[in-house]
Amino acid sequence: MNVEDLRNELVRRDVDPSRYSLKGGTPDDGFALKRQGAGWIVYYSERGGRYGVERFTTEHAACRYLLNRLMGTHVDLDETAAPGTGP
């Protein structure tokens, strides 16, 4: 999963765009994904602060983590399945 895949999945699941940013920054009361150096970070932003910063070495891991946080559960996407044929 990359950022574009994540964006498409969030749209498909009708997740309110005000709850996240896929370009970093400090969304008000939302999660953010940001490329940082050779890795990626995901954090919660509130009142201009960053909280619960998680660091990842791959874009895939960061995107999956953010999807899970936004869905409030573990989302198991079978990336080998064709659309509409997963579990």
PDB file of N, CA and C in Angstrom:
ATOM      1  N   MET A   1       0.853  -1.177   0.000  1.00  0.00           N
ATOM      2  CA  MET A   1       0.000   0.000   0.000  1.00  0.00           C
ATOM      3  C   MET A   1       0.892   1.230   0.000  1.00  0.00           C
ATOM      4  N   ASN A   2       0.556   2.179  -0.873  1.00  0.00           N
ATOM      5  CA  ASN A   2       1.255   3.454  -0.874  1.00  0.00           C
ATOM      6  C   ASN A   2       0.237   4.565  -0.571  1.00  0.00           C
ATOM      7  N   VAL A   3       0.682   5.806  -0.600  1.00  0.00           N
ATOM      8  CA  VAL A   3      -0.195   6.914  -0.223  1.00  0.00           C
ATOM      9  C   VAL A   3      -1.411   6.990  -1.151  1.00  0.00           C
ATOM     10  N   GLU A   4      -1.209   6.784  -2.430  1.00  0.00           N
ATOM     11  CA  GLU A   4      -2.339   6.845  -3.371  1.00  0.00           C
ATOM     12  C   GLU A   4      -3.334   5.716  -3.089  1.00  0.00           C
ATOM     13  N   ASP A   5      -2.833   4.512  -2.797  1.00  0.00           N
ATOM     14  CA  ASP A   5      -3.714   3.398  -2.432  1.00  0.00           C
ATOM     15  C   ASP A   5      -4.506   3.747  -1.172  1.00  0.00           C
ATOM     16  N   LEU A   6      -3.811   4.338  -0.192  1.00  0.00           N
ATOM     17  CA  LEU A   6      -4.465   4.724   1.060  1.00  0.00           C
ATOM     18  C   LEU A   6      -5.554   5.754   0.794  1.00  0.00           C
ATOM     19  N   ARG A   7      -5.234   6.754   0.002  1.00  0.00           N
ATOM     20  CA  ARG A   7      -6.220   7.797  -0.326  1.00  0.00           C
ATOM     21  C   ARG A   7      -7.466   7.151  -0.944  1.00  0.00           C
ATOM     22  N   ASN A   8      -7.267   6.259  -1.896  1.00  0.00           N
ATOM     23  CA  ASN A   8      -8.390   5.587  -2.552  1.00  0.00           C
ATOM     24  C   ASN A   8      -9.206   4.754  -1.566  1.00  0.00           C
ATOM     25  N   GLU A   9      -8.529   4.071  -0.661  1.00  0.00           N
ATOM     26  CA  GLU A   9      -9.225   3.238   0.332  1.00  0.00           C
ATOM     27  C   GLU A   9     -10.040   4.100   1.297  1.00  0.00           C
ATOM     28  N   LEU A  10      -9.491   5.233   1.696  1.00  0.00           N
ATOM     29  CA  LEU A  10     -10.214   6.121   2.605  1.00  0.00           C
ATOM     30  C   LEU A  10     -11.446   6.712   1.930  1.00  0.00           C
ATOM     31  N   VAL A  11     -11.334   7.039   0.659  1.00  0.00           N
ATOM     32  CA  VAL A  11     -12.493   7.540  -0.094  1.00  0.00           C
ATOM     33  C   VAL A  11     -13.528   6.426  -0.218  1.00  0.00           C
ATOM     34  N   ARG A  12     -13.068   5.223  -0.558  1.00  0.00           N
ATOM     35  CA  ARG A  12     -13.983   4.087  -0.707  1.00  0.00           C
ATOM     36  C   ARG A  12     -14.743   3.811   0.584  1.00  0.00           C
ATOM     37  N   ARG A  13     -14.075   3.977   1.716  1.00  0.00           N
ATOM     38  CA  ARG A  13     -14.690   3.732   3.018  1.00  0.00           C
ATOM     39  C   ARG A  13     -15.407   4.967   3.568  1.00  0.00           C
ATOM     40  N   ASP A  14     -15.427   6.040   2.798  1.00  0.00           N
ATOM     41  CA  ASP A  14     -16.132   7.267   3.163  1.00  0.00           C
ATOM     42  C   ASP A  14     -15.637   7.858   4.486  1.00  0.00           C
ATOM     43  N   VAL A  15     -14.321   7.858   4.677  1.00  0.00           N
ATOM     44  CA  VAL A  15     -13.727   8.456   5.874  1.00  0.00           C
ATOM     45  C   VAL A  15     -13.666   9.971   5.661  1.00  0.00           C
ATOM     46  N   ASP A  16     -14.163  10.720   6.620  1.00  0.00           N
ATOM     47  CA  ASP A  16     -14.203  12.178   6.554  1.00  0.00           C
ATOM     48  C   ASP A  16     -12.777  12.729   6.377  1.00  0.00           C
ATOM     49  N   PRO A  17     -12.507  13.451   5.284  1.00  0.00           N
ATOM     50  CA  PRO A  17     -11.164  13.986   5.033  1.00  0.00           C
ATOM     51  C   PRO A  17     -10.657  14.951   6.110  1.00  0.00           C
ATOM     52  N   SER A  18     -11.544  15.503   6.912  1.00  0.00           N
ATOM     53  CA  SER A  18     -11.093  16.400   7.977  1.00  0.00           C
ATOM     54  C   SER A  18     -10.422  15.624   9.110  1.00  0.00           C
ATOM     55  N   ARG A  19     -10.524  14.291   9.086  1.00  0.00           N
ATOM     56  CA  ARG A  19      -9.926  13.462  10.139  1.00  0.00           C
ATOM     57  C   ARG A  19      -8.478  13.095   9.862  1.00  0.00           C
ATOM     58  N   TYR A  20      -7.946  13.480   8.685  1.00  0.00           N
ATOM     59  CA  TYR A  20      -6.576  13.080   8.358  1.00  0.00           C
ATOM     60  C   TYR A  20      -5.949  14.015   7.329  1.00  0.00           C
ATOM     61  N   SER A  21      -4.624  13.950   7.272  1.00  0.00           N
ATOM     62  CA  SER A  21      -3.845  14.625   6.236  1.00  0.00           C
ATOM     63  C   SER A  21      -2.817  13.631   5.734  1.00  0.00           C
ATOM     64  N   LEU A  22      -2.707  13.499   4.433  1.00  0.00           N
ATOM     65  CA  LEU A  22      -1.702  12.608   3.851  1.00  0.00           C
ATOM     66  C   LEU A  22      -0.479  13.389   3.391  1.00  0.00           C
ATOM     67  N   LYS A  23      -0.408  14.652   3.815  1.00  0.00           N
ATOM     68  CA  LYS A  23       0.705  15.527   3.458  1.00  0.00           C
ATOM     69  C   LYS A  23       1.375  16.118   4.689  1.00  0.00           C
ATOM     70  N   GLY A  24       1.215  15.478   5.840  1.00  0.00           N
ATOM     71  CA  GLY A  24       1.802  16.004   7.063  1.00  0.00           C
ATOM     72  C   GLY A  24       1.010  17.177   7.587  1.00  0.00           C
ATOM     73  N   GLY A  25       1.709  18.138   8.152  1.00  0.00           N
ATOM     74  CA  GLY A  25       1.041  19.315   8.687  1.00  0.00           C
ATOM     75  C   GLY A  25       0.419  19.045  10.042  1.00  0.00           C
ATOM     76  N   THR A  26      -0.494  19.923  10.413  1.00  0.00           N
ATOM     77  CA  THR A  26      -1.149  19.798  11.712  1.00  0.00           C
ATOM     78  C   THR A  26      -2.656  19.939  11.556  1.00  0.00           C
ATOM     79  N   PRO A  27      -3.297  18.892  11.033  1.00  0.00           N
ATOM     80  CA  PRO A  27      -4.760  18.954  10.951  1.00  0.00           C
ATOM     81  C   PRO A  27      -5.342  19.080  12.360  1.00  0.00           C
ATOM     82  N   ASP A  28      -6.414  19.828  12.492  1.00  0.00           N
ATOM     83  CA  ASP A  28      -7.021  20.014  13.807  1.00  0.00           C
ATOM     84  C   ASP A  28      -7.781  18.758  14.211  1.00  0.00           C
ATOM     85  N   ASP A  29      -7.347  18.128  15.282  1.00  0.00           N
ATOM     86  CA  ASP A  29      -7.970  16.901  15.786  1.00  0.00           C
ATOM     87  C   ASP A  29      -8.018  15.824  14.701  1.00  0.00           C
ATOM     88  N   GLY A  30      -6.856  15.533  14.112  1.00  0.00           N
ATOM     89  CA  GLY A  30      -6.798  14.513  13.067  1.00  0.00           C
ATOM     90  C   GLY A  30      -5.437  13.858  13.001  1.00  0.00           C
ATOM     91  N   PHE A  31      -5.374  12.788  12.253  1.00  0.00           N
ATOM     92  CA  PHE A  31      -4.123  12.060  12.048  1.00  0.00           C
ATOM     93  C   PHE A  31      -3.405  12.590  10.823  1.00  0.00           C
ATOM     94  N   ALA A  32      -2.080  12.460  10.820  1.00  0.00           N
ATOM     95  CA  ALA A  32      -1.285  12.900   9.680  1.00  0.00           C
ATOM     96  C   ALA A  32      -0.233  11.851   9.340  1.00  0.00           C
ATOM     97  N   LEU A  33       0.060  11.776   8.070  1.00  0.00           N
ATOM     98  CA  LEU A  33       1.097  10.912   7.523  1.00  0.00           C
ATOM     99  C   LEU A  33       2.109  11.822   6.856  1.00  0.00           C
ATOM    100  N   LYS A  34       3.394  11.589   7.128  1.00  0.00           N
ATOM    101  CA  LYS A  34       4.410  12.474   6.565  1.00  0.00           C
ATOM    102  C   LYS A  34       5.694  11.699   6.280  1.00  0.00           C
ATOM    103  N   ARG A  35       6.268  11.975   5.127  1.00  0.00           N
ATOM    104  CA  ARG A  35       7.593  11.429   4.804  1.00  0.00           C
ATOM    105  C   ARG A  35       8.601  12.222   5.627  1.00  0.00           C
ATOM    106  N   GLN A  36       9.500  11.516   6.289  1.00  0.00           N
ATOM    107  CA  GLN A  36      10.510  12.208   7.110  1.00  0.00           C
ATOM    108  C   GLN A  36      11.847  11.496   6.932  1.00  0.00           C
ATOM    109  N   GLY A  37      12.781  12.178   6.293  1.00  0.00           N
ATOM    110  CA  GLY A  37      14.075  11.569   6.014  1.00  0.00           C
ATOM    111  C   GLY A  37      13.899  10.353   5.125  1.00  0.00           C
ATOM    112  N   ALA A  38      14.469   9.232   5.545  1.00  0.00           N
ATOM    113  CA  ALA A  38      14.371   7.995   4.770  1.00  0.00           C
ATOM    114  C   ALA A  38      13.140   7.179   5.168  1.00  0.00           C
ATOM    115  N   GLY A  39      12.348   7.680   6.119  1.00  0.00           N
ATOM    116  CA  GLY A  39      11.197   6.925   6.602  1.00  0.00           C
ATOM    117  C   GLY A  39       9.914   7.733   6.553  1.00  0.00           C
ATOM    118  N   TRP A  40       8.959   7.286   7.359  1.00  0.00           N
ATOM    119  CA  TRP A  40       7.626   7.894   7.425  1.00  0.00           C
ATOM    120  C   TRP A  40       7.204   8.018   8.871  1.00  0.00           C
ATOM    121  N   ILE A  41       6.381   9.021   9.179  1.00  0.00           N
ATOM    122  CA  ILE A  41       5.805   9.137  10.508  1.00  0.00           C
ATOM    123  C   ILE A  41       4.289   9.291  10.389  1.00  0.00           C
ATOM    124  N   VAL A  42       3.605   8.811  11.413  1.00  0.00           N
ATOM    125  CA  VAL A  42       2.165   8.992  11.559  1.00  0.00           C
ATOM    126  C   VAL A  42       1.962   9.543  12.962  1.00  0.00           C
ATOM    127  N   TYR A  43       1.121  10.551  13.081  1.00  0.00           N
ATOM    128  CA  TYR A  43       0.886  11.152  14.385  1.00  0.00           C
ATOM    129  C   TYR A  43      -0.527  11.725  14.444  1.00  0.00           C
ATOM    130  N   TYR A  44      -0.935  12.032  15.662  1.00  0.00           N
ATOM    131  CA  TYR A  44      -2.213  12.703  15.888  1.00  0.00           C
ATOM    132  C   TYR A  44      -1.907  14.167  16.142  1.00  0.00           C
ATOM    133  N   SER A  45      -2.659  15.042  15.533  1.00  0.00           N
ATOM    134  CA  SER A  45      -2.441  16.471  15.692  1.00  0.00           C
ATOM    135  C   SER A  45      -3.649  17.112  16.360  1.00  0.00           C
ATOM    136  N   GLU A  46      -3.342  17.928  17.355  1.00  0.00           N
ATOM    137  CA  GLU A  46      -4.393  18.650  18.062  1.00  0.00           C
ATOM    138  C   GLU A  46      -3.823  19.987  18.521  1.00  0.00           C
ATOM    139  N   ARG A  47      -4.537  21.058  18.205  1.00  0.00           N
ATOM    140  CA  ARG A  47      -4.117  22.409  18.604  1.00  0.00           C
ATOM    141  C   ARG A  47      -2.677  22.711  18.213  1.00  0.00           C
ATOM    142  N   GLY A  48      -2.280  22.265  17.034  1.00  0.00           N
ATOM    143  CA  GLY A  48      -0.948  22.555  16.519  1.00  0.00           C
ATOM    144  C   GLY A  48       0.154  21.651  17.041  1.00  0.00           C
ATOM    145  N   GLY A  49      -0.164  20.718  17.946  1.00  0.00           N
ATOM    146  CA  GLY A  49       0.849  19.805  18.483  1.00  0.00           C
ATOM    147  C   GLY A  49       0.774  18.445  17.832  1.00  0.00           C
ATOM    148  N   ARG A  50       1.880  17.703  17.928  1.00  0.00           N
ATOM    149  CA  ARG A  50       1.940  16.336  17.417  1.00  0.00           C
ATOM    150  C   ARG A  50       2.020  15.379  18.596  1.00  0.00           C
ATOM    151  N   TYR A  51       1.168  14.387  18.583  1.00  0.00           N
ATOM    152  CA  TYR A  51       1.109  13.428  19.690  1.00  0.00           C
ATOM    153  C   TYR A  51       1.148  12.000  19.148  1.00  0.00           C
ATOM    154  N   GLY A  52       1.705  11.112  19.937  1.00  0.00           N
ATOM    155  CA  GLY A  52       1.724   9.697  19.574  1.00  0.00           C
ATOM    156  C   GLY A  52       2.457   9.427  18.279  1.00  0.00           C
ATOM    157  N   VAL A  53       3.592  10.070  18.083  1.00  0.00           N
ATOM    158  CA  VAL A  53       4.339   9.911  16.834  1.00  0.00           C
ATOM    159  C   VAL A  53       4.851   8.475  16.718  1.00  0.00           C
ATOM    160  N   GLU A  54       4.508   7.841  15.596  1.00  0.00           N
ATOM    161  CA  GLU A  54       4.987   6.488  15.282  1.00  0.00           C
ATOM    162  C   GLU A  54       5.866   6.589  14.047  1.00  0.00           C
ATOM    163  N   ARG A  55       7.011   5.903  14.070  1.00  0.00           N
ATOM    164  CA  ARG A  55       7.969   5.968  12.961  1.00  0.00           C
ATOM    165  C   ARG A  55       7.996   4.642  12.210  1.00  0.00           C
ATOM    166  N   PHE A  56       8.133   4.734  10.887  1.00  0.00           N
ATOM    167  CA  PHE A  56       8.121   3.560  10.030  1.00  0.00           C
ATOM    168  C   PHE A  56       9.233   3.661   9.000  1.00  0.00           C
ATOM    169  N   THR A  57       9.787   2.531   8.636  1.00  0.00           N
ATOM    170  CA  THR A  57      10.841   2.517   7.628  1.00  0.00           C
ATOM    171  C   THR A  57      10.273   2.420   6.222  1.00  0.00           C
ATOM    172  N   THR A  58       9.013   1.991   6.096  1.00  0.00           N
ATOM    173  CA  THR A  58       8.416   1.865   4.763  1.00  0.00           C
ATOM    174  C   THR A  58       7.103   2.631   4.660  1.00  0.00           C
ATOM    175  N   GLU A  59       6.824   3.091   3.460  1.00  0.00           N
ATOM    176  CA  GLU A  59       5.561   3.759   3.164  1.00  0.00           C
ATOM    177  C   GLU A  59       4.395   2.807   3.410  1.00  0.00           C
ATOM    178  N   HIS A  60       4.568   1.557   3.007  1.00  0.00           N
ATOM    179  CA  HIS A  60       3.531   0.543   3.178  1.00  0.00           C
ATOM    180  C   HIS A  60       3.112   0.422   4.643  1.00  0.00           C
ATOM    181  N   ALA A  61       4.082   0.260   5.534  1.00  0.00           N
ATOM    182  CA  ALA A  61       3.778   0.086   6.958  1.00  0.00           C
ATOM    183  C   ALA A  61       3.090   1.320   7.534  1.00  0.00           C
ATOM    184  N   ALA A  62       3.544   2.502   7.147  1.00  0.00           N
ATOM    185  CA  ALA A  62       2.944   3.738   7.653  1.00  0.00           C
ATOM    186  C   ALA A  62       1.501   3.882   7.169  1.00  0.00           C
ATOM    187  N   CYS A  63       1.268   3.572   5.909  1.00  0.00           N
ATOM    188  CA  CYS A  63      -0.088   3.686   5.359  1.00  0.00           C
ATOM    189  C   CYS A  63      -1.030   2.683   6.006  1.00  0.00           C
ATOM    190  N   ARG A  64      -0.577   1.469   6.198  1.00  0.00           N
ATOM    191  CA  ARG A  64      -1.425   0.459   6.834  1.00  0.00           C
ATOM    192  C   ARG A  64      -1.758   0.861   8.272  1.00  0.00           C
ATOM    193  N   TYR A  65      -0.757   1.380   8.991  1.00  0.00           N
ATOM    194  CA  TYR A  65      -0.976   1.819  10.370  1.00  0.00           C
ATOM    195  C   TYR A  65      -2.022   2.938  10.414  1.00  0.00           C
ATOM    196  N   LEU A  66      -1.888   3.930   9.525  1.00  0.00           N
ATOM    197  CA  LEU A  66      -2.837   5.039   9.521  1.00  0.00           C
ATOM    198  C   LEU A  66      -4.243   4.553   9.174  1.00  0.00           C
ATOM    199  N   LEU A  67      -4.362   3.670   8.215  1.00  0.00           N
ATOM    200  CA  LEU A  67      -5.672   3.119   7.880  1.00  0.00           C
ATOM    201  C   LEU A  67      -6.294   2.443   9.097  1.00  0.00           C
ATOM    202  N   ASN A  68      -5.513   1.654   9.793  1.00  0.00           N
ATOM    203  CA  ASN A  68      -6.020   0.978  10.991  1.00  0.00           C
ATOM    204  C   ASN A  68      -6.437   1.965  12.068  1.00  0.00           C
ATOM    205  N   ARG A  69      -5.667   3.008  12.268  1.00  0.00           N
ATOM    206  CA  ARG A  69      -6.026   4.022  13.277  1.00  0.00           C
ATOM    207  C   ARG A  69      -7.323   4.722  12.903  1.00  0.00           C
ATOM    208  N   LEU A  70      -7.460   5.083  11.640  1.00  0.00           N
ATOM    209  CA  LEU A  70      -8.666   5.787  11.212  1.00  0.00           C
ATOM    210  C   LEU A  70      -9.905   4.905  11.254  1.00  0.00           C
ATOM    211  N   MET A  71      -9.730   3.629  11.032  1.00  0.00           N
ATOM    212  CA  MET A  71     -10.872   2.718  11.060  1.00  0.00           C
ATOM    213  C   MET A  71     -11.173   2.252  12.479  1.00  0.00           C
ATOM    214  N   GLY A  72     -10.266   2.517  13.409  1.00  0.00           N
ATOM    215  CA  GLY A  72     -10.485   2.143  14.803  1.00  0.00           C
ATOM    216  C   GLY A  72     -10.399   0.658  15.061  1.00  0.00           C
ATOM    217  N   THR A  73      -9.774  -0.053  14.143  1.00  0.00           N
ATOM    218  CA  THR A  73      -9.646  -1.502  14.265  1.00  0.00           C
ATOM    219  C   THR A  73      -8.520  -1.964  13.366  1.00  0.00           C
ATOM    220  N   HIS A  74      -8.229  -3.242  13.404  1.00  0.00           N
ATOM    221  CA  HIS A  74      -7.232  -3.798  12.498  1.00  0.00           C
ATOM    222  C   HIS A  74      -7.920  -4.131  11.183  1.00  0.00           C
ATOM    223  N   VAL A  75      -7.455  -3.516  10.109  1.00  0.00           N
ATOM    224  CA  VAL A  75      -8.001  -3.778   8.784  1.00  0.00           C
ATOM    225  C   VAL A  75      -7.040  -4.709   8.074  1.00  0.00           C
ATOM    226  N   ASP A  76      -7.506  -5.890   7.714  1.00  0.00           N
ATOM    227  CA  ASP A  76      -6.661  -6.863   7.040  1.00  0.00           C
ATOM    228  C   ASP A  76      -7.015  -6.871   5.565  1.00  0.00           C
ATOM    229  N   LEU A  77      -6.204  -6.193   4.784  1.00  0.00           N
ATOM    230  CA  LEU A  77      -6.437  -6.130   3.348  1.00  0.00           C
ATOM    231  C   LEU A  77      -5.598  -7.205   2.674  1.00  0.00           C
ATOM    232  N   ASP A  78      -6.227  -8.043   1.898  1.00  0.00           N
ATOM    233  CA  ASP A  78      -5.502  -9.069   1.153  1.00  0.00           C
ATOM    234  C   ASP A  78      -5.045  -8.426  -0.146  1.00  0.00           C
ATOM    235  N   GLU A  79      -3.785  -7.998  -0.185  1.00  0.00           N
ATOM    236  CA  GLU A  79      -3.299  -7.262  -1.334  1.00  0.00           C
ATOM    237  C   GLU A  79      -3.092  -8.138  -2.566  1.00  0.00           C
ATOM    238  N   THR A  80      -3.179  -9.448  -2.415  1.00  0.00           N
ATOM    239  CA  THR A  80      -3.014 -10.317  -3.564  1.00  0.00           C
ATOM    240  C   THR A  80      -4.345 -10.582  -4.244  1.00  0.00           C
ATOM    241  N   ALA A  81      -5.440 -10.258  -3.588  1.00  0.00           N
ATOM    242  CA  ALA A  81      -6.770 -10.515  -4.156  1.00  0.00           C
ATOM    243  C   ALA A  81      -7.166  -9.399  -5.113  1.00  0.00           C
ATOM    244  N   ALA A  82      -7.905  -9.750  -6.116  1.00  0.00           N
ATOM    245  CA  ALA A  82      -8.450  -8.760  -7.040  1.00  0.00           C
ATOM    246  C   ALA A  82      -9.529  -7.977  -6.307  1.00  0.00           C
ATOM    247  N   PRO A  83      -9.773  -6.722  -6.699  1.00  0.00           N
ATOM    248  CA  PRO A  83     -10.812  -5.938  -6.037  1.00  0.00           C
ATOM    249  C   PRO A  83     -12.141  -6.690  -5.973  1.00  0.00           C
ATOM    250  N   GLY A  84     -12.727  -6.662  -4.798  1.00  0.00           N
ATOM    251  CA  GLY A  84     -14.016  -7.315  -4.616  1.00  0.00           C
ATOM    252  C   GLY A  84     -13.944  -8.799  -4.352  1.00  0.00           C
ATOM    253  N   THR A  85     -12.712  -9.356  -4.294  1.00  0.00           N
ATOM    254  CA  THR A  85     -12.602 -10.804  -4.071  1.00  0.00           C
ATOM    255  C   THR A  85     -11.902 -11.130  -2.759  1.00  0.00           C
ATOM    256  N   GLY A  86     -11.539 -10.085  -1.997  1.00  0.00           N
ATOM    257  CA  GLY A  86     -10.818 -10.310  -0.731  1.00  0.00           C
ATOM    258  C   GLY A  86     -11.723 -10.887   0.331  1.00  0.00           C
ATOM    259  N   PRO A  87     -11.138 -11.166   1.510  1.00  0.00           N
ATOM    260  CA  PRO A  87     -11.925 -11.772   2.597  1.00  0.00           C
ATOM    261  C   PRO A  87     -13.047 -10.891   3.096  1.00  0.00           C
TER     262      PRO A  87
END
